[in-house]
N, C-alpha and C. Protein backbone atom coordinates (compact mmCIF):
# COMPACT_ATOMS: atom_id res chain seq x y z
N MET A 1 6.33 20.72 36.36
CA MET A 1 7.29 19.53 35.94
C MET A 1 6.33 18.33 35.37
N LYS A 2 5.47 17.74 36.34
CA LYS A 2 4.72 17.03 35.82
C LYS A 2 4.01 16.93 34.52
N THR A 3 3.53 18.16 34.30
CA THR A 3 2.94 18.52 32.84
C THR A 3 3.87 18.19 31.58
N LEU A 4 5.09 18.78 31.96
CA LEU A 4 6.18 18.87 30.74
C LEU A 4 6.33 17.39 30.50
N HIS A 5 6.32 16.21 31.55
CA HIS A 5 6.46 14.71 31.27
C HIS A 5 5.40 14.25 30.46
N ILE A 6 4.16 14.77 31.07
CA ILE A 6 3.07 14.04 30.29
C ILE A 6 2.84 14.46 29.15
N VAL A 7 3.24 15.78 28.93
CA VAL A 7 3.29 16.29 27.16
C VAL A 7 4.06 15.27 26.42
N ALA A 8 5.60 15.15 27.23
CA ALA A 8 6.63 14.50 26.32
C ALA A 8 6.13 13.06 26.27
N ILE A 9 5.47 12.40 27.32
CA ILE A 9 4.85 10.73 26.85
C ILE A 9 3.87 11.07 25.79
N LEU A 10 2.98 11.85 26.03
CA LEU A 10 2.03 12.14 24.59
C LEU A 10 2.56 12.20 23.35
N LEU A 11 3.55 12.83 23.30
CA LEU A 11 4.15 13.42 21.95
C LEU A 11 4.94 12.19 21.62
N ALA A 12 5.65 11.29 22.54
CA ALA A 12 6.23 10.32 21.98
C ALA A 12 5.25 8.99 21.38
N ALA A 13 4.26 8.95 22.36
CA ALA A 13 2.97 8.19 21.74
C ALA A 13 2.73 8.47 20.49
N MET A 14 2.49 9.33 20.09
CA MET A 14 1.93 9.81 18.85
C MET A 14 2.96 9.47 17.92
N LEU A 15 4.10 9.49 18.12
CA LEU A 15 4.97 9.46 17.03
C LEU A 15 5.33 7.93 16.94
N ILE A 16 4.97 6.85 17.81
CA ILE A 16 4.92 5.41 17.41
C ILE A 16 4.31 5.08 16.34
N PRO A 17 2.92 5.29 16.04
CA PRO A 17 2.35 4.83 14.87
C PRO A 17 2.70 5.12 13.58
N LEU A 18 3.57 6.45 13.43
CA LEU A 18 4.26 6.99 12.27
C LEU A 18 5.27 6.38 12.00
N ALA A 19 6.00 5.68 13.04
CA ALA A 19 7.61 4.96 12.66
C ALA A 19 7.07 3.85 12.30
N ALA A 20 5.93 3.30 12.87
CA ALA A 20 5.58 1.61 12.79
C ALA A 20 5.16 1.54 11.41
N ALA A 21 4.84 2.73 10.83
CA ALA A 21 4.02 2.57 9.51
C ALA A 21 4.70 2.45 8.23
N GLU A 22 6.03 2.84 8.37
CA GLU A 22 6.75 2.65 7.40
C GLU A 22 6.89 1.48 6.72
N ASP A 23 7.60 0.55 7.34
CA ASP A 23 7.77 -1.00 6.71
C ASP A 23 6.72 -1.88 7.43
N VAL A 24 5.78 -2.50 6.74
CA VAL A 24 4.99 -3.30 7.61
C VAL A 24 5.70 -4.72 7.50
N GLU A 25 6.66 -5.00 6.68
CA GLU A 25 7.42 -6.38 7.05
C GLU A 25 8.49 -6.59 5.78
N THR A 26 9.49 -7.18 6.34
CA THR A 26 10.52 -7.35 5.25
C THR A 26 10.94 -8.73 5.60
N THR A 27 10.62 -9.60 4.55
CA THR A 27 10.32 -10.96 4.74
C THR A 27 11.32 -11.43 3.31
N ASP A 28 12.49 -12.25 3.44
CA ASP A 28 12.94 -13.09 2.31
C ASP A 28 13.27 -12.19 1.31
N ALA A 29 13.49 -10.78 1.53
CA ALA A 29 14.17 -9.75 0.75
C ALA A 29 13.37 -8.73 0.35
N TYR A 30 11.93 -9.37 0.63
CA TYR A 30 10.80 -8.16 0.13
C TYR A 30 10.41 -7.35 1.32
N ILE A 31 10.35 -5.86 0.76
CA ILE A 31 9.89 -5.08 1.45
C ILE A 31 8.61 -4.36 1.34
N VAL A 32 7.33 -4.62 2.48
CA VAL A 32 5.93 -4.66 2.28
C VAL A 32 5.89 -2.82 3.07
N THR A 33 5.60 -2.16 2.29
CA THR A 33 5.18 -0.70 2.74
C THR A 33 3.81 -0.59 2.41
N PRO A 34 3.12 0.35 3.05
CA PRO A 34 1.95 0.88 3.18
C PRO A 34 2.11 1.82 1.72
N ALA A 35 1.16 1.62 0.81
CA ALA A 35 0.94 2.23 -0.22
C ALA A 35 0.60 3.57 -0.07
N TYR A 36 -0.16 4.07 0.66
CA TYR A 36 -0.28 5.30 1.10
C TYR A 36 0.81 6.36 1.31
N ILE A 37 1.75 5.85 1.65
CA ILE A 37 2.93 6.49 1.91
C ILE A 37 4.11 6.86 0.84
N VAL A 38 4.08 5.81 -0.07
CA VAL A 38 4.71 6.01 -1.15
C VAL A 38 4.43 6.79 -2.06
N THR A 39 5.22 7.54 -2.49
CA THR A 39 5.09 8.63 -3.83
C THR A 39 5.56 7.72 -4.98
N PRO A 40 4.80 7.40 -5.66
CA PRO A 40 5.44 6.76 -7.17
C PRO A 40 6.22 7.98 -8.08
N ALA A 41 7.06 7.34 -8.60
CA ALA A 41 7.91 8.14 -9.71
C ALA A 41 7.13 7.85 -10.77
N SER A 42 7.50 8.66 -11.67
CA SER A 42 6.58 8.76 -12.80
C SER A 42 6.31 7.29 -13.38
N ASN A 43 7.65 6.53 -13.33
CA ASN A 43 7.25 5.15 -13.93
C ASN A 43 6.80 4.06 -12.95
N ASP A 44 6.32 4.58 -11.76
CA ASP A 44 5.44 3.68 -11.04
C ASP A 44 3.96 3.74 -11.18
N SER A 45 3.54 4.77 -12.01
CA SER A 45 2.21 4.92 -12.16
C SER A 45 1.42 4.38 -13.32
N LYS A 46 1.63 3.06 -13.33
CA LYS A 46 1.16 2.34 -14.55
C LYS A 46 -0.05 2.23 -14.02
N PRO A 47 -1.04 2.02 -14.95
CA PRO A 47 -2.43 1.56 -14.71
C PRO A 47 -2.63 -0.09 -14.39
N PRO A 48 -3.62 -0.38 -13.83
CA PRO A 48 -3.61 -1.47 -13.00
C PRO A 48 -3.65 -2.60 -14.49
N ILE A 49 -2.89 -3.67 -14.12
CA ILE A 49 -2.88 -4.78 -15.07
C ILE A 49 -3.86 -6.03 -14.82
N ALA A 50 -4.18 -6.03 -13.71
CA ALA A 50 -5.31 -7.31 -13.20
C ALA A 50 -6.71 -6.32 -13.19
N PRO A 51 -7.71 -7.11 -13.85
CA PRO A 51 -9.02 -6.38 -13.60
C PRO A 51 -9.40 -6.21 -12.18
N LEU A 52 -10.19 -5.04 -11.62
CA LEU A 52 -10.47 -5.01 -10.28
C LEU A 52 -11.94 -5.73 -9.91
N THR A 53 -11.58 -6.54 -9.08
CA THR A 53 -12.60 -7.79 -8.61
C THR A 53 -13.70 -7.24 -7.50
N ARG A 54 -14.88 -7.49 -7.70
CA ARG A 54 -15.59 -7.46 -6.75
C ARG A 54 -16.32 -8.71 -6.56
N ASP A 55 -16.46 -8.70 -5.01
CA ASP A 55 -16.95 -10.06 -4.52
C ASP A 55 -17.54 -9.70 -3.41
N THR A 56 -17.81 -10.83 -2.70
CA THR A 56 -18.24 -10.75 -1.39
C THR A 56 -17.99 -11.84 -0.64
N ILE A 57 -17.91 -11.72 0.88
CA ILE A 57 -17.10 -12.74 1.91
C ILE A 57 -18.05 -12.62 2.86
N GLU A 58 -18.09 -13.81 3.85
CA GLU A 58 -18.75 -13.88 4.99
C GLU A 58 -17.78 -14.63 6.06
N GLN A 59 -18.45 -14.40 7.34
CA GLN A 59 -17.48 -14.77 8.25
C GLN A 59 -16.85 -16.36 7.93
N GLY A 60 -15.41 -16.64 8.25
CA GLY A 60 -14.79 -17.41 8.18
C GLY A 60 -14.62 -18.18 6.96
N GLU A 61 -15.01 -17.53 5.75
CA GLU A 61 -14.59 -17.81 4.41
C GLU A 61 -13.47 -17.51 3.73
N THR A 62 -12.85 -17.86 2.66
CA THR A 62 -11.59 -17.58 2.25
C THR A 62 -11.91 -17.45 0.73
N ASP A 63 -11.50 -16.41 0.14
CA ASP A 63 -11.57 -16.25 -1.46
C ASP A 63 -10.21 -16.18 -1.79
N TRP A 64 -9.97 -16.57 -3.08
CA TRP A 64 -8.59 -16.48 -3.50
C TRP A 64 -8.59 -15.65 -5.14
N HIS A 65 -7.34 -14.97 -5.28
CA HIS A 65 -7.43 -14.12 -6.58
C HIS A 65 -6.12 -14.45 -6.88
N SER A 66 -5.55 -14.17 -8.05
CA SER A 66 -4.40 -14.40 -8.54
C SER A 66 -3.80 -13.48 -9.21
N LEU A 67 -2.57 -13.26 -10.02
CA LEU A 67 -2.11 -12.22 -10.94
C LEU A 67 -0.72 -12.78 -11.23
N TYR A 68 -0.49 -12.86 -12.84
CA TYR A 68 0.74 -13.32 -13.16
C TYR A 68 1.53 -11.98 -13.48
N VAL A 69 2.55 -12.26 -12.41
CA VAL A 69 3.71 -10.79 -12.70
C VAL A 69 4.82 -11.67 -13.42
N PRO A 70 5.00 -10.58 -14.85
CA PRO A 70 6.33 -11.15 -15.70
C PRO A 70 7.47 -10.98 -15.12
N PRO A 71 8.72 -11.56 -15.91
CA PRO A 71 10.18 -11.09 -15.48
C PRO A 71 10.22 -9.86 -15.67
N GLY A 72 11.15 -9.31 -14.68
CA GLY A 72 11.48 -7.59 -14.88
C GLY A 72 10.75 -6.63 -13.83
N GLU A 73 9.73 -7.23 -13.24
CA GLU A 73 8.97 -6.28 -12.44
C GLU A 73 9.44 -6.24 -10.95
N ASP A 74 9.66 -5.23 -10.38
CA ASP A 74 10.10 -5.10 -8.74
C ASP A 74 9.43 -4.45 -8.10
N LYS A 75 8.03 -4.05 -8.35
CA LYS A 75 7.21 -3.80 -7.70
C LYS A 75 5.73 -3.93 -7.96
N LEU A 76 4.93 -4.30 -6.78
CA LEU A 76 3.70 -4.70 -6.98
C LEU A 76 2.53 -3.99 -6.22
N TRP A 77 1.73 -3.60 -6.52
CA TRP A 77 0.77 -3.13 -5.56
C TRP A 77 -0.35 -3.71 -5.70
N VAL A 78 -1.02 -3.94 -4.18
CA VAL A 78 -2.24 -4.76 -3.62
C VAL A 78 -3.30 -3.96 -3.10
N ASP A 79 -4.54 -3.75 -3.53
CA ASP A 79 -5.48 -3.12 -2.78
C ASP A 79 -6.92 -3.62 -2.43
N LEU A 80 -6.98 -4.12 -1.06
CA LEU A 80 -8.30 -5.01 -0.89
C LEU A 80 -9.00 -4.03 -0.07
N ASN A 81 -10.24 -3.61 -0.23
CA ASN A 81 -11.23 -2.38 0.03
C ASN A 81 -12.56 -3.16 0.37
N TRP A 82 -12.90 -2.91 1.84
CA TRP A 82 -14.02 -3.64 1.88
C TRP A 82 -15.24 -2.53 2.64
N GLY A 83 -14.50 -0.98 3.13
CA GLY A 83 -15.52 -0.04 3.24
C GLY A 83 -16.29 -0.10 4.83
N ASP A 84 -16.45 -1.36 5.20
CA ASP A 84 -16.97 -1.32 6.67
C ASP A 84 -15.94 -1.68 7.74
N THR A 85 -15.57 -0.52 8.57
CA THR A 85 -14.83 -0.87 9.51
C THR A 85 -15.05 -2.02 10.75
N ASP A 86 -16.49 -2.01 10.84
CA ASP A 86 -17.03 -3.07 12.12
C ASP A 86 -16.46 -4.54 11.57
N ASP A 87 -16.31 -4.63 10.37
CA ASP A 87 -16.11 -6.36 9.80
C ASP A 87 -14.23 -5.88 9.47
N SER A 88 -13.76 -7.11 9.76
CA SER A 88 -12.15 -7.46 9.56
C SER A 88 -12.05 -8.37 8.75
N LEU A 89 -11.32 -8.27 7.71
CA LEU A 89 -10.51 -9.18 6.39
C LEU A 89 -9.20 -9.18 6.88
N THR A 90 -8.57 -10.20 6.38
CA THR A 90 -7.05 -10.53 6.24
C THR A 90 -6.70 -10.62 5.09
N LEU A 91 -5.60 -10.15 4.52
CA LEU A 91 -4.87 -10.60 3.28
C LEU A 91 -3.71 -11.27 3.27
N THR A 92 -3.26 -12.65 2.77
CA THR A 92 -2.03 -13.08 2.54
C THR A 92 -1.75 -13.38 1.30
N ILE A 93 -0.57 -12.98 1.33
CA ILE A 93 0.32 -13.01 -0.28
C ILE A 93 1.07 -14.24 -0.42
N TYR A 94 0.93 -14.72 -1.55
CA TYR A 94 1.65 -16.06 -2.00
C TYR A 94 2.69 -15.84 -3.11
N PRO A 95 3.91 -15.38 -3.14
CA PRO A 95 4.50 -15.36 -4.12
C PRO A 95 5.00 -16.59 -4.70
N PRO A 96 5.30 -16.88 -6.09
CA PRO A 96 5.33 -18.15 -6.77
C PRO A 96 6.35 -18.61 -6.08
N SER A 97 7.57 -18.44 -5.76
CA SER A 97 8.20 -19.25 -4.72
C SER A 97 8.56 -18.24 -3.43
N GLY A 98 8.86 -19.08 -2.27
CA GLY A 98 9.08 -18.29 -0.84
C GLY A 98 8.10 -18.49 0.11
N VAL A 99 8.35 -17.76 0.87
CA VAL A 99 7.61 -17.73 1.97
C VAL A 99 6.40 -16.80 1.94
N PRO A 100 4.99 -17.05 2.53
CA PRO A 100 3.92 -16.04 2.40
C PRO A 100 4.09 -14.89 3.08
N LEU A 101 3.49 -13.83 2.36
CA LEU A 101 3.74 -12.72 3.28
C LEU A 101 2.42 -12.16 4.07
N GLY A 102 2.27 -11.76 5.37
CA GLY A 102 1.22 -11.71 5.98
C GLY A 102 0.86 -12.66 7.06
N PRO A 103 -0.39 -12.91 7.22
CA PRO A 103 -1.82 -12.11 7.12
C PRO A 103 -1.37 -10.69 7.45
N TYR A 104 -2.08 -10.03 6.46
CA TYR A 104 -2.06 -8.27 6.94
C TYR A 104 -3.62 -8.12 7.20
N HIS A 105 -3.79 -6.93 8.36
CA HIS A 105 -4.87 -6.54 8.63
C HIS A 105 -5.00 -5.22 8.28
N ASP A 106 -6.40 -4.74 8.63
CA ASP A 106 -6.51 -3.23 8.33
C ASP A 106 -5.45 -1.98 8.99
N VAL A 107 -4.94 -2.46 9.85
CA VAL A 107 -3.84 -1.49 10.32
C VAL A 107 -2.85 -1.45 10.01
N ASN A 108 -2.40 -2.48 9.30
CA ASN A 108 -0.92 -2.83 8.69
C ASN A 108 -0.77 -1.91 7.41
N ASP A 109 -1.29 -0.97 6.98
CA ASP A 109 -1.10 -0.17 5.80
C ASP A 109 -0.93 1.23 6.62
N GLY A 110 -1.18 1.29 7.91
CA GLY A 110 -0.87 2.62 8.56
C GLY A 110 -2.24 3.36 8.72
N LYS A 111 -3.55 3.12 8.19
CA LYS A 111 -4.92 3.62 8.43
C LYS A 111 -5.91 2.33 8.72
N ILE A 112 -7.12 2.70 9.85
CA ILE A 112 -7.79 1.85 10.02
C ILE A 112 -9.05 2.41 8.94
N ASP A 113 -9.23 1.91 7.88
CA ASP A 113 -10.13 2.47 6.84
C ASP A 113 -10.90 1.22 6.24
N ALA A 114 -10.90 0.06 6.80
CA ALA A 114 -11.59 -1.13 6.18
C ALA A 114 -10.80 -1.37 4.56
N ARG A 115 -9.27 -1.10 4.62
CA ARG A 115 -8.90 -1.19 3.45
C ARG A 115 -7.38 -1.46 3.83
N ILE A 116 -6.63 -2.53 2.82
CA ILE A 116 -5.39 -2.86 3.19
C ILE A 116 -4.86 -2.54 1.69
N PHE A 117 -3.98 -1.56 1.48
CA PHE A 117 -3.23 -0.99 0.36
C PHE A 117 -1.73 -1.00 0.57
N LEU A 118 -1.16 -2.01 0.17
CA LEU A 118 0.43 -2.18 0.04
C LEU A 118 1.32 -2.33 -1.09
N ARG A 119 2.42 -2.01 -0.74
CA ARG A 119 3.35 -1.96 -1.81
C ARG A 119 4.44 -3.12 -1.69
N ILE A 120 4.66 -4.24 -2.55
CA ILE A 120 5.52 -4.91 -2.56
C ILE A 120 6.74 -4.80 -2.96
N TYR A 121 8.01 -4.73 -2.78
CA TYR A 121 9.31 -4.48 -3.51
C TYR A 121 10.22 -5.21 -3.15
N LYS A 122 11.02 -5.56 -3.93
CA LYS A 122 12.26 -6.28 -3.86
C LYS A 122 13.11 -5.98 -5.12
N SER A 123 14.40 -5.50 -4.36
CA SER A 123 15.52 -4.79 -5.34
C SER A 123 16.01 -5.51 -6.28
N SER A 124 15.82 -6.91 -6.07
CA SER A 124 16.67 -8.03 -7.31
C SER A 124 15.52 -8.49 -8.09
N GLY A 125 14.51 -7.60 -7.94
CA GLY A 125 13.39 -8.20 -8.86
C GLY A 125 12.03 -9.07 -8.13
N LEU A 126 10.75 -8.97 -8.40
CA LEU A 126 10.00 -9.79 -7.96
C LEU A 126 10.07 -11.09 -8.77
N PRO A 127 9.94 -12.54 -8.13
CA PRO A 127 9.90 -13.61 -9.04
C PRO A 127 8.70 -13.53 -10.04
N SER A 128 9.15 -13.97 -11.19
CA SER A 128 7.70 -13.83 -12.33
C SER A 128 7.37 -15.34 -11.87
N GLY A 129 5.76 -15.18 -12.45
CA GLY A 129 4.90 -16.45 -12.44
C GLY A 129 3.64 -15.82 -11.67
N THR A 130 3.02 -17.02 -11.25
CA THR A 130 1.61 -16.34 -10.49
C THR A 130 1.34 -16.33 -9.04
N TRP A 131 1.18 -15.21 -8.94
CA TRP A 131 1.11 -14.64 -7.16
C TRP A 131 -0.26 -14.88 -6.65
N ASP A 132 -0.43 -15.84 -5.73
CA ASP A 132 -1.64 -15.72 -5.11
C ASP A 132 -2.03 -14.95 -3.89
N PHE A 133 -3.52 -14.50 -3.70
CA PHE A 133 -3.91 -13.47 -2.82
C PHE A 133 -5.00 -14.37 -1.85
N LYS A 134 -4.59 -14.64 -0.67
CA LYS A 134 -5.84 -15.09 0.37
C LYS A 134 -6.56 -13.98 0.92
N VAL A 135 -7.81 -14.03 0.65
CA VAL A 135 -8.63 -12.81 1.35
C VAL A 135 -9.69 -13.70 2.37
N TYR A 136 -9.46 -13.37 3.72
CA TYR A 136 -10.13 -14.26 4.78
C TYR A 136 -11.23 -13.41 5.33
N GLY A 137 -12.38 -13.61 5.60
CA GLY A 137 -13.26 -12.96 6.36
C GLY A 137 -13.01 -13.35 8.02
N GLU A 138 -12.09 -12.48 8.52
CA GLU A 138 -11.84 -13.06 9.91
C GLU A 138 -13.02 -12.39 10.84
N ARG A 139 -13.58 -11.66 10.75
CA ARG A 139 -14.77 -11.39 11.68
C ARG A 139 -15.71 -10.17 10.72
N VAL A 140 -16.68 -10.98 9.98
CA VAL A 140 -18.12 -10.38 9.43
C VAL A 140 -19.25 -10.76 9.81
N GLN A 141 -19.72 -9.65 9.77
CA GLN A 141 -21.53 -9.86 10.43
C GLN A 141 -22.11 -9.53 9.27
N GLY A 142 -22.84 -10.95 8.64
CA GLY A 142 -23.70 -11.15 7.63
C GLY A 142 -22.71 -11.25 6.35
N VAL A 143 -22.76 -10.49 5.14
CA VAL A 143 -22.26 -10.73 3.89
C VAL A 143 -21.61 -9.21 3.82
N GLU A 144 -20.17 -9.39 3.49
CA GLU A 144 -19.33 -7.87 3.34
C GLU A 144 -19.28 -8.05 1.88
N ASP A 145 -19.33 -6.79 1.25
CA ASP A 145 -18.63 -6.69 -0.44
C ASP A 145 -17.41 -6.32 -0.26
N TYR A 146 -16.66 -6.42 -1.26
CA TYR A 146 -15.45 -5.93 -1.22
C TYR A 146 -14.65 -5.85 -2.79
N SER A 147 -13.68 -5.02 -2.62
CA SER A 147 -13.05 -5.04 -4.09
C SER A 147 -11.59 -5.36 -3.67
N PHE A 148 -11.22 -6.23 -4.94
CA PHE A 148 -9.67 -6.45 -4.69
C PHE A 148 -9.08 -6.22 -6.25
N VAL A 149 -8.12 -5.68 -6.17
CA VAL A 149 -7.06 -5.46 -7.46
C VAL A 149 -5.47 -5.50 -7.02
N ALA A 150 -4.96 -6.07 -7.74
CA ALA A 150 -3.41 -5.85 -8.06
C ALA A 150 -2.74 -5.66 -8.86
N TYR A 151 -1.58 -4.97 -8.97
CA TYR A 151 -1.16 -4.36 -10.04
C TYR A 151 0.42 -4.30 -10.02
N TYR A 152 0.97 -4.26 -10.76
CA TYR A 152 2.76 -3.85 -10.84
C TYR A 152 2.90 -2.89 -12.25
């Protein structure tokens, strides 16, 4: 009987990350979801609008990136990738109006892989204007290379 309880507890513990990985955050009517678990519809598979940016960051450094989102868009993908799980970067997203989203960490997209890959959705449409993205070197040894892209 004890073995059955241990198995049940282990199974329940394994299910918690799956449930927690669905919505990262719901703030100000935005739904932030790990992009890994979203299956894009045919109209969601547009090519990136902003060019891929390659940059470097050090401990305690802040880098800023931005993207103009035109009227009529309801989804935005954001992909920050640094490739070294020993280092930790954070991403905070600033819509043109409203409350900042984040900061997000590697684990927030459902995988620990030195990447923050998110989809931001708002059913009433995203506010048009310039969206700003803050990349922060939370825990970096030396200099970390990273890539960043945002697209709708």
